[in-house]
């Protein structure tokens, strides 16, 4: 079991499960709350939970041990995450969770394209087919027909 938690696949599957719960819980939670306020509350919860995890698992590290480049990209990542959350909660406020979440998951398609374009990653033919199927599937699930 310990080896399972060393696998990126296990953590990715757990991430997907938590993301699914996020959509359902957020849809109910944002019902009578401004979407930006809901995002703010969610962020506070995450901040507190991560702080407790870092302290509880002795993973806290000196802020001076982090490089300037890491700070820059973590700042950019944080801004992108914030933008994503604000847009996601606004979309959930306006639309059905079952349609909002698949469009949000088009990020998988974008990550594949960005990984190739900016990080030099390589995808095979079957990988690109999967990316195309994810895109088509997201559009079909979101389609209200």
N, C-alpha and C. Protein backbone atom coordinates (compact mmCIF):
# COMPACT_ATOMS: atom_id res chain seq x y z
N UNK A 1 0.82 -1.20 0.00
CA UNK A 1 0.00 0.00 0.00
C UNK A 1 0.87 1.26 0.00
N UNK A 2 1.99 1.19 0.71
CA UNK A 2 2.89 2.34 0.78
C UNK A 2 3.41 2.68 -0.62
N UNK A 3 3.68 1.65 -1.44
CA UNK A 3 4.15 1.89 -2.80
C UNK A 3 3.10 2.57 -3.66
N UNK A 4 1.83 2.29 -3.38
CA UNK A 4 0.75 2.90 -4.17
C UNK A 4 0.77 4.41 -4.03
N UNK A 5 1.10 4.90 -2.84
CA UNK A 5 1.11 6.34 -2.62
C UNK A 5 2.39 7.00 -3.13
N UNK A 6 3.30 6.21 -3.70
CA UNK A 6 4.48 6.76 -4.37
C UNK A 6 4.24 6.86 -5.87
N UNK A 7 3.05 6.50 -6.31
CA UNK A 7 2.71 6.48 -7.73
C UNK A 7 1.97 7.75 -8.13
N UNK A 8 2.42 8.37 -9.21
CA UNK A 8 1.73 9.58 -9.68
C UNK A 8 0.31 9.25 -10.13
N UNK A 9 0.09 8.02 -10.61
CA UNK A 9 -1.24 7.64 -11.08
C UNK A 9 -2.25 7.64 -9.94
N UNK A 10 -1.85 7.17 -8.76
CA UNK A 10 -2.74 7.15 -7.61
C UNK A 10 -3.10 8.58 -7.20
N UNK A 11 -2.09 9.44 -7.14
CA UNK A 11 -2.34 10.83 -6.76
C UNK A 11 -3.19 11.54 -7.81
N UNK A 12 -2.99 11.26 -9.08
CA UNK A 12 -3.81 11.87 -10.14
C UNK A 12 -5.26 11.40 -10.02
N UNK A 13 -5.46 10.11 -9.73
CA UNK A 13 -6.82 9.59 -9.57
C UNK A 13 -7.50 10.22 -8.34
N UNK A 14 -6.75 10.36 -7.25
CA UNK A 14 -7.30 11.03 -6.08
C UNK A 14 -7.65 12.49 -6.40
N UNK A 15 -6.79 13.15 -7.17
CA UNK A 15 -7.05 14.53 -7.59
C UNK A 15 -8.36 14.60 -8.37
N UNK A 16 -8.57 13.67 -9.28
CA UNK A 16 -9.81 13.66 -10.07
C UNK A 16 -11.02 13.46 -9.16
N UNK A 17 -10.90 12.57 -8.20
CA UNK A 17 -12.00 12.34 -7.26
C UNK A 17 -12.32 13.58 -6.45
N UNK A 18 -11.28 14.23 -5.93
CA UNK A 18 -11.50 15.45 -5.16
C UNK A 18 -12.04 16.57 -6.05
N UNK A 19 -11.58 16.64 -7.29
CA UNK A 19 -12.10 17.66 -8.21
C UNK A 19 -13.59 17.44 -8.48
N UNK A 20 -13.99 16.18 -8.60
CA UNK A 20 -15.42 15.89 -8.80
C UNK A 20 -16.23 16.33 -7.58
N UNK A 21 -15.72 16.01 -6.39
CA UNK A 21 -16.41 16.44 -5.17
C UNK A 21 -16.44 17.96 -5.07
N UNK A 22 -15.36 18.61 -5.50
CA UNK A 22 -15.30 20.08 -5.49
C UNK A 22 -16.46 20.66 -6.29
N UNK A 23 -16.69 20.12 -7.47
CA UNK A 23 -17.77 20.65 -8.32
C UNK A 23 -19.13 20.49 -7.65
N UNK A 24 -19.38 19.34 -7.07
CA UNK A 24 -20.67 19.08 -6.44
C UNK A 24 -20.86 19.94 -5.20
N UNK A 25 -19.85 19.94 -4.31
CA UNK A 25 -19.94 20.73 -3.09
C UNK A 25 -20.04 22.23 -3.41
N UNK A 26 -19.24 22.67 -4.38
CA UNK A 26 -19.24 24.10 -4.74
C UNK A 26 -20.57 24.52 -5.33
N UNK A 27 -21.16 23.69 -6.16
CA UNK A 27 -22.44 24.02 -6.78
C UNK A 27 -23.50 24.26 -5.71
N UNK A 28 -23.52 23.41 -4.69
CA UNK A 28 -24.47 23.57 -3.60
C UNK A 28 -24.08 24.78 -2.74
N UNK A 29 -22.79 24.92 -2.45
CA UNK A 29 -22.32 25.99 -1.58
C UNK A 29 -22.47 27.38 -2.16
N UNK A 30 -22.38 27.50 -3.48
CA UNK A 30 -22.43 28.82 -4.12
C UNK A 30 -23.87 29.27 -4.39
N UNK A 31 -24.82 28.40 -4.09
CA UNK A 31 -26.22 28.68 -4.42
C UNK A 31 -26.72 30.02 -3.89
N UNK A 32 -26.42 30.33 -2.64
CA UNK A 32 -26.91 31.58 -2.03
C UNK A 32 -25.77 32.50 -1.62
N UNK A 33 -24.63 32.36 -2.29
CA UNK A 33 -23.44 33.15 -1.95
C UNK A 33 -22.87 33.72 -3.23
N UNK A 34 -22.36 34.94 -3.15
CA UNK A 34 -21.64 35.52 -4.28
C UNK A 34 -20.49 34.61 -4.64
N UNK A 35 -20.27 34.35 -5.92
CA UNK A 35 -19.25 33.38 -6.34
C UNK A 35 -17.85 33.80 -5.92
N UNK A 36 -17.55 35.10 -5.90
CA UNK A 36 -16.22 35.54 -5.47
C UNK A 36 -16.04 35.33 -3.96
N UNK A 37 -17.09 35.55 -3.19
CA UNK A 37 -17.03 35.29 -1.75
C UNK A 37 -16.84 33.80 -1.49
N UNK A 38 -17.52 32.97 -2.26
CA UNK A 38 -17.37 31.53 -2.13
C UNK A 38 -15.92 31.12 -2.42
N UNK A 39 -15.32 31.71 -3.43
CA UNK A 39 -13.93 31.42 -3.77
C UNK A 39 -13.01 31.85 -2.64
N UNK A 40 -13.28 33.00 -2.04
CA UNK A 40 -12.49 33.50 -0.92
C UNK A 40 -12.54 32.53 0.26
N UNK A 41 -13.74 32.07 0.61
CA UNK A 41 -13.89 31.12 1.72
C UNK A 41 -13.14 29.83 1.42
N UNK A 42 -13.29 29.34 0.21
CA UNK A 42 -12.59 28.12 -0.21
C UNK A 42 -11.08 28.29 -0.07
N UNK A 43 -10.57 29.44 -0.45
CA UNK A 43 -9.14 29.71 -0.40
C UNK A 43 -8.64 29.71 1.04
N UNK A 44 -9.40 30.29 1.95
CA UNK A 44 -9.02 30.29 3.36
C UNK A 44 -8.95 28.86 3.89
N UNK A 45 -9.92 28.05 3.54
CA UNK A 45 -9.92 26.65 3.99
C UNK A 45 -8.68 25.93 3.47
N UNK A 46 -8.36 26.13 2.20
CA UNK A 46 -7.19 25.48 1.60
C UNK A 46 -5.91 25.94 2.30
N UNK A 47 -5.80 27.25 2.53
CA UNK A 47 -4.62 27.80 3.19
C UNK A 47 -4.42 27.19 4.57
N UNK A 48 -5.48 27.12 5.34
CA UNK A 48 -5.39 26.53 6.68
C UNK A 48 -5.05 25.04 6.63
N UNK A 49 -5.70 24.31 5.73
CA UNK A 49 -5.45 22.87 5.62
C UNK A 49 -4.00 22.60 5.20
N UNK A 50 -3.51 23.33 4.22
CA UNK A 50 -2.13 23.12 3.77
C UNK A 50 -1.12 23.51 4.84
N UNK A 51 -1.41 24.59 5.56
CA UNK A 51 -0.53 24.97 6.66
C UNK A 51 -0.44 23.87 7.70
N UNK A 52 -1.58 23.29 8.05
CA UNK A 52 -1.61 22.19 9.03
C UNK A 52 -0.86 20.97 8.50
N UNK A 53 -1.02 20.66 7.22
CA UNK A 53 -0.30 19.52 6.63
C UNK A 53 1.21 19.76 6.67
N UNK A 54 1.65 20.96 6.29
CA UNK A 54 3.09 21.26 6.29
C UNK A 54 3.68 21.15 7.68
N UNK A 55 3.00 21.71 8.67
CA UNK A 55 3.49 21.65 10.04
C UNK A 55 3.41 20.22 10.58
N UNK A 56 2.26 19.56 10.36
CA UNK A 56 2.04 18.22 10.89
C UNK A 56 2.96 17.16 10.32
N UNK A 57 3.43 17.36 9.09
CA UNK A 57 4.32 16.38 8.45
C UNK A 57 5.76 16.86 8.39
N UNK A 58 6.05 17.95 9.07
CA UNK A 58 7.41 18.53 9.12
C UNK A 58 7.97 18.80 7.73
N UNK A 59 7.12 19.28 6.84
CA UNK A 59 7.57 19.59 5.49
C UNK A 59 7.81 21.09 5.28
N UNK A 60 7.58 21.89 6.32
CA UNK A 60 7.81 23.33 6.20
C UNK A 60 9.27 23.54 5.87
N UNK A 61 9.55 24.42 4.92
CA UNK A 61 10.94 24.73 4.60
C UNK A 61 11.16 26.22 4.65
N UNK A 62 12.39 26.60 4.87
CA UNK A 62 12.75 28.00 4.96
C UNK A 62 12.40 28.71 3.65
N UNK A 63 11.76 29.86 3.76
CA UNK A 63 11.40 30.60 2.56
C UNK A 63 12.64 31.06 1.79
N UNK A 64 13.75 31.24 2.51
CA UNK A 64 14.98 31.68 1.84
C UNK A 64 15.64 30.55 1.03
N UNK A 65 15.17 29.32 1.22
CA UNK A 65 15.74 28.19 0.48
C UNK A 65 15.11 28.03 -0.90
N UNK A 66 14.11 28.87 -1.20
CA UNK A 66 13.39 28.78 -2.48
C UNK A 66 13.98 29.81 -3.43
N UNK A 67 14.28 29.38 -4.64
CA UNK A 67 14.92 30.26 -5.62
C UNK A 67 13.96 31.34 -6.12
N UNK A 68 14.53 32.40 -6.64
CA UNK A 68 13.74 33.47 -7.23
C UNK A 68 12.88 32.99 -8.39
N UNK A 69 13.45 32.10 -9.21
CA UNK A 69 12.70 31.56 -10.35
C UNK A 69 11.51 30.75 -9.86
N UNK A 70 11.72 29.96 -8.81
CA UNK A 70 10.61 29.18 -8.25
C UNK A 70 9.53 30.12 -7.72
N UNK A 71 9.94 31.17 -7.01
CA UNK A 71 8.96 32.14 -6.52
C UNK A 71 8.17 32.75 -7.67
N UNK A 72 8.87 33.14 -8.74
CA UNK A 72 8.20 33.76 -9.88
C UNK A 72 7.14 32.83 -10.47
N UNK A 73 7.53 31.58 -10.72
CA UNK A 73 6.59 30.66 -11.35
C UNK A 73 5.50 30.20 -10.40
N UNK A 74 5.79 30.12 -9.11
CA UNK A 74 4.74 29.81 -8.14
C UNK A 74 3.76 30.97 -8.01
N UNK A 75 4.27 32.21 -8.11
CA UNK A 75 3.39 33.38 -8.12
C UNK A 75 2.49 33.35 -9.34
N UNK A 76 3.07 33.10 -10.50
CA UNK A 76 2.26 33.02 -11.73
C UNK A 76 1.24 31.89 -11.66
N UNK A 77 1.67 30.75 -11.11
CA UNK A 77 0.76 29.62 -10.94
C UNK A 77 -0.38 29.98 -9.99
N UNK A 78 -0.05 30.68 -8.91
CA UNK A 78 -1.08 31.11 -7.97
C UNK A 78 -2.08 32.06 -8.60
N UNK A 79 -1.57 32.99 -9.42
CA UNK A 79 -2.47 33.91 -10.12
C UNK A 79 -3.37 33.16 -11.10
N UNK A 80 -2.79 32.19 -11.81
CA UNK A 80 -3.58 31.39 -12.75
C UNK A 80 -4.62 30.55 -12.00
N UNK A 81 -4.22 29.98 -10.87
CA UNK A 81 -5.17 29.20 -10.06
C UNK A 81 -6.31 30.08 -9.57
N UNK A 82 -5.96 31.25 -9.08
CA UNK A 82 -6.99 32.18 -8.62
C UNK A 82 -7.95 32.55 -9.73
N UNK A 83 -7.40 32.85 -10.91
CA UNK A 83 -8.25 33.16 -12.05
C UNK A 83 -9.15 31.99 -12.41
N UNK A 84 -8.58 30.80 -12.39
CA UNK A 84 -9.36 29.60 -12.69
C UNK A 84 -10.49 29.42 -11.69
N UNK A 85 -10.20 29.55 -10.41
CA UNK A 85 -11.21 29.35 -9.38
C UNK A 85 -12.32 30.39 -9.48
N UNK A 86 -11.94 31.65 -9.71
CA UNK A 86 -12.95 32.71 -9.83
C UNK A 86 -13.89 32.40 -11.00
N UNK A 87 -13.30 32.03 -12.13
CA UNK A 87 -14.12 31.71 -13.31
C UNK A 87 -14.95 30.46 -13.09
N UNK A 88 -14.37 29.45 -12.44
CA UNK A 88 -15.06 28.19 -12.19
C UNK A 88 -16.28 28.39 -11.29
N UNK A 89 -16.09 29.14 -10.20
CA UNK A 89 -17.21 29.36 -9.29
C UNK A 89 -18.29 30.21 -9.96
N UNK A 90 -17.88 31.18 -10.77
CA UNK A 90 -18.86 31.99 -11.48
C UNK A 90 -19.64 31.10 -12.45
N UNK A 91 -18.94 30.21 -13.16
CA UNK A 91 -19.61 29.30 -14.09
C UNK A 91 -20.57 28.37 -13.34
N UNK A 92 -20.15 27.87 -12.17
CA UNK A 92 -21.04 27.00 -11.38
C UNK A 92 -22.27 27.75 -10.89
N UNK A 93 -22.09 29.02 -10.58
CA UNK A 93 -23.22 29.83 -10.14
C UNK A 93 -24.26 29.94 -11.26
N UNK A 94 -23.77 30.01 -12.50
CA UNK A 94 -24.65 30.24 -13.64
C UNK A 94 -25.12 28.97 -14.34
N UNK A 95 -24.35 27.90 -14.25
CA UNK A 95 -24.66 26.70 -15.03
C UNK A 95 -24.73 25.43 -14.21
N UNK A 96 -25.07 24.35 -14.88
CA UNK A 96 -25.14 23.02 -14.25
C UNK A 96 -23.73 22.48 -14.03
N UNK A 97 -23.51 21.89 -12.86
CA UNK A 97 -22.21 21.31 -12.54
C UNK A 97 -21.81 20.26 -13.58
N UNK A 98 -22.78 19.48 -14.05
CA UNK A 98 -22.51 18.41 -15.02
C UNK A 98 -22.07 18.96 -16.37
N UNK A 99 -22.32 20.23 -16.63
CA UNK A 99 -21.89 20.84 -17.89
C UNK A 99 -20.68 21.74 -17.70
N UNK A 100 -20.59 22.38 -16.54
CA UNK A 100 -19.46 23.26 -16.27
C UNK A 100 -18.17 22.46 -16.14
N UNK A 101 -18.21 21.38 -15.36
CA UNK A 101 -16.99 20.61 -15.09
C UNK A 101 -16.32 20.07 -16.36
N UNK A 102 -17.06 19.52 -17.32
CA UNK A 102 -16.37 19.04 -18.53
C UNK A 102 -15.68 20.15 -19.31
N UNK A 103 -16.28 21.32 -19.38
CA UNK A 103 -15.63 22.43 -20.08
C UNK A 103 -14.38 22.85 -19.32
N UNK A 104 -14.47 22.87 -17.99
CA UNK A 104 -13.29 23.16 -17.17
C UNK A 104 -12.18 22.16 -17.45
N UNK A 105 -12.54 20.92 -17.69
CA UNK A 105 -11.54 19.87 -17.94
C UNK A 105 -10.92 19.96 -19.33
N UNK A 106 -11.38 20.90 -20.14
CA UNK A 106 -10.66 21.16 -21.38
C UNK A 106 -9.24 21.65 -21.07
N UNK A 107 -9.00 21.96 -19.80
CA UNK A 107 -7.64 22.30 -19.37
C UNK A 107 -6.69 21.15 -19.67
N UNK A 108 -7.18 19.91 -19.65
CA UNK A 108 -6.35 18.75 -20.00
C UNK A 108 -5.83 18.89 -21.43
N UNK A 109 -6.70 19.30 -22.32
CA UNK A 109 -6.31 19.50 -23.72
C UNK A 109 -5.30 20.63 -23.82
N UNK A 110 -5.56 21.71 -23.10
CA UNK A 110 -4.65 22.86 -23.14
C UNK A 110 -3.29 22.52 -22.53
N UNK A 111 -3.27 21.75 -21.46
CA UNK A 111 -2.00 21.35 -20.84
C UNK A 111 -1.18 20.52 -21.84
N UNK A 112 -1.82 19.63 -22.56
CA UNK A 112 -1.11 18.83 -23.56
C UNK A 112 -0.48 19.74 -24.60
N UNK A 113 -1.25 20.68 -25.12
CA UNK A 113 -0.72 21.59 -26.14
C UNK A 113 0.38 22.48 -25.57
N UNK A 114 0.17 23.04 -24.37
CA UNK A 114 1.17 23.90 -23.76
C UNK A 114 2.43 23.12 -23.40
N UNK A 115 2.26 21.88 -22.92
CA UNK A 115 3.42 21.05 -22.58
C UNK A 115 4.31 20.81 -23.79
N UNK A 116 3.68 20.57 -24.94
CA UNK A 116 4.44 20.37 -26.18
C UNK A 116 5.06 21.69 -26.63
N UNK A 117 4.27 22.75 -26.64
CA UNK A 117 4.74 24.04 -27.17
C UNK A 117 5.80 24.70 -26.29
N UNK A 118 5.64 24.64 -24.98
CA UNK A 118 6.51 25.42 -24.09
C UNK A 118 7.50 24.60 -23.28
N UNK A 119 7.20 23.32 -23.05
CA UNK A 119 8.08 22.50 -22.21
C UNK A 119 8.85 21.45 -23.00
N UNK A 120 8.61 21.39 -24.30
CA UNK A 120 9.32 20.43 -25.13
C UNK A 120 8.89 18.99 -24.93
N UNK A 121 7.72 18.79 -24.35
CA UNK A 121 7.23 17.42 -24.15
C UNK A 121 6.78 16.86 -25.50
N UNK A 122 6.76 15.54 -25.58
CA UNK A 122 6.38 14.88 -26.83
C UNK A 122 5.21 13.94 -26.56
N UNK A 123 4.24 13.99 -27.45
CA UNK A 123 3.10 13.08 -27.37
C UNK A 123 3.05 12.24 -28.63
N UNK A 124 2.70 10.98 -28.47
CA UNK A 124 2.60 10.06 -29.61
C UNK A 124 1.24 10.22 -30.29
N UNK A 125 1.06 9.56 -31.41
CA UNK A 125 -0.22 9.56 -32.11
C UNK A 125 -1.37 9.15 -31.22
N UNK A 126 -1.25 8.02 -30.51
CA UNK A 126 -2.34 7.63 -29.60
C UNK A 126 -2.60 8.67 -28.50
N UNK A 127 -1.52 9.33 -28.03
CA UNK A 127 -1.71 10.39 -27.02
C UNK A 127 -2.55 11.52 -27.59
N UNK A 128 -2.24 11.95 -28.83
CA UNK A 128 -3.00 13.04 -29.46
C UNK A 128 -4.43 12.62 -29.73
N UNK A 129 -4.64 11.35 -30.07
CA UNK A 129 -5.99 10.85 -30.25
C UNK A 129 -6.77 10.97 -28.94
N UNK A 130 -6.13 10.61 -27.84
CA UNK A 130 -6.76 10.74 -26.53
C UNK A 130 -7.10 12.19 -26.21
N UNK A 131 -6.19 13.10 -26.53
CA UNK A 131 -6.44 14.53 -26.30
C UNK A 131 -7.66 14.97 -27.11
N UNK A 132 -7.72 14.55 -28.37
CA UNK A 132 -8.86 14.92 -29.23
C UNK A 132 -10.16 14.32 -28.69
N UNK A 133 -10.11 13.10 -28.20
CA UNK A 133 -11.31 12.47 -27.63
C UNK A 133 -11.76 13.18 -26.35
N UNK A 134 -10.80 13.61 -25.54
CA UNK A 134 -11.16 14.38 -24.34
C UNK A 134 -11.87 15.66 -24.75
N UNK A 135 -11.32 16.35 -25.74
CA UNK A 135 -11.94 17.60 -26.21
C UNK A 135 -13.35 17.33 -26.73
N UNK A 136 -13.48 16.32 -27.57
CA UNK A 136 -14.80 16.00 -28.13
C UNK A 136 -15.77 15.59 -27.04
N UNK A 137 -15.29 14.78 -26.10
CA UNK A 137 -16.14 14.32 -25.00
C UNK A 137 -16.61 15.47 -24.12
N UNK A 138 -15.72 16.40 -23.83
CA UNK A 138 -16.09 17.55 -22.99
C UNK A 138 -17.17 18.38 -23.68
N UNK A 139 -17.01 18.59 -24.96
CA UNK A 139 -18.00 19.38 -25.71
C UNK A 139 -19.35 18.64 -25.74
N UNK A 140 -19.30 17.33 -25.97
CA UNK A 140 -20.55 16.56 -26.03
C UNK A 140 -21.26 16.51 -24.68
N UNK A 141 -20.51 16.37 -23.60
CA UNK A 141 -21.13 16.33 -22.26
C UNK A 141 -21.74 17.69 -21.93
N UNK A 142 -21.08 18.75 -22.35
CA UNK A 142 -21.57 20.09 -22.05
C UNK A 142 -22.73 20.52 -22.95
N UNK A 143 -22.89 19.85 -24.06
CA UNK A 143 -23.94 20.19 -25.02
C UNK A 143 -25.31 19.99 -24.40
N UNK A 144 -26.14 20.99 -24.51
CA UNK A 144 -27.49 20.90 -23.95
C UNK A 144 -28.47 20.77 -25.11
N UNK A 145 -28.73 19.53 -25.51
CA UNK A 145 -29.55 19.33 -26.68
C UNK A 145 -30.71 18.41 -26.51
